[in-house]
């Protein structure tokens, strides 16, 4: 088709790589959505940023 078998193989490999990366992204998003990982990670990150090393601080609870 393009006249160069090497170019066709490279295009095929790139296409397969992009297809697998899209598939793995979709699976990752389905798992994260089903376990609600984004909400848990965001809440933990906010607590770490606002409270720091202080366990008695209620700043993150007031913020949330």
Protein backbone atom coordinates (compact mmCIF):
# COMPACT_ATOMS: atom_id res chain seq x y z
CA UNK A 1 0.00 0.00 0.00
CA UNK A 2 2.65 2.53 0.99
CA UNK A 3 5.44 0.77 -0.84
CA UNK A 4 7.63 0.24 2.20
CA UNK A 5 7.06 -2.78 4.40
CA UNK A 6 9.05 -1.24 7.25
CA UNK A 7 6.81 1.84 7.25
CA UNK A 8 3.71 -0.35 7.28
CA UNK A 9 5.06 -2.36 10.23
CA UNK A 10 5.87 0.84 12.15
CA UNK A 11 2.39 2.23 11.50
CA UNK A 12 0.87 -1.07 12.64
CA UNK A 13 2.94 -1.14 15.83
CA UNK A 14 2.02 2.47 16.64
CA UNK A 15 -1.65 1.69 16.04
CA UNK A 16 -1.53 -1.39 18.29
CA UNK A 17 0.29 0.59 21.01
CA UNK A 18 -2.31 3.37 20.91
CA UNK A 19 -5.14 0.84 20.97
CA UNK A 20 -3.72 -0.96 24.02
CA UNK A 21 -3.03 2.30 25.84
CA UNK A 22 -6.61 3.42 25.25
CA UNK A 23 -7.91 0.07 26.45
CA UNK A 24 -5.81 0.20 29.63
CA UNK A 25 -6.98 3.76 30.32
CA UNK A 26 -10.61 2.71 29.99
CA UNK A 27 -10.11 -0.24 32.35
CA UNK A 28 -8.29 1.99 34.84
CA UNK A 29 -11.10 4.56 34.77
CA UNK A 30 -13.75 1.86 35.27
CA UNK A 31 -11.90 0.49 38.29
CA UNK A 32 -11.37 3.96 39.77
CA UNK A 33 -15.02 4.85 39.26
CA UNK A 34 -16.34 1.62 40.73
CA UNK A 35 -14.26 1.90 43.91
CA UNK A 36 -14.57 5.71 44.08
CA UNK A 37 -10.82 6.04 44.34
CA UNK A 38 -10.69 9.65 43.14
CA UNK A 39 -12.87 10.90 45.96
CA UNK A 40 -10.86 8.99 48.57
CA UNK A 41 -7.53 10.20 47.16
CA UNK A 42 -8.75 13.79 46.97
CA UNK A 43 -10.01 13.73 50.56
CA UNK A 44 -6.72 12.28 51.81
CA UNK A 45 -4.71 14.85 49.85
CA UNK A 46 -6.76 17.74 51.25
CA UNK A 47 -6.27 16.41 54.78
CA UNK A 48 -2.52 16.11 54.29
CA UNK A 49 -2.22 19.60 52.78
CA UNK A 50 -4.30 21.39 55.39
CA UNK A 51 -3.39 19.45 58.52
CA UNK A 52 0.19 18.58 57.76
CA UNK A 53 1.72 16.56 60.58
CA UNK A 54 -0.74 17.77 63.20
CA UNK A 55 -3.27 15.08 64.11
CA UNK A 56 -5.38 17.34 66.34
CA UNK A 57 -5.99 19.99 63.67
CA UNK A 58 -9.56 20.39 62.47
CA UNK A 59 -8.82 22.67 59.53
CA UNK A 60 -9.43 19.95 56.97
CA UNK A 61 -12.70 18.94 58.65
CA UNK A 62 -13.87 22.56 58.58
CA UNK A 63 -12.90 22.80 54.92
CA UNK A 64 -14.67 19.59 53.94
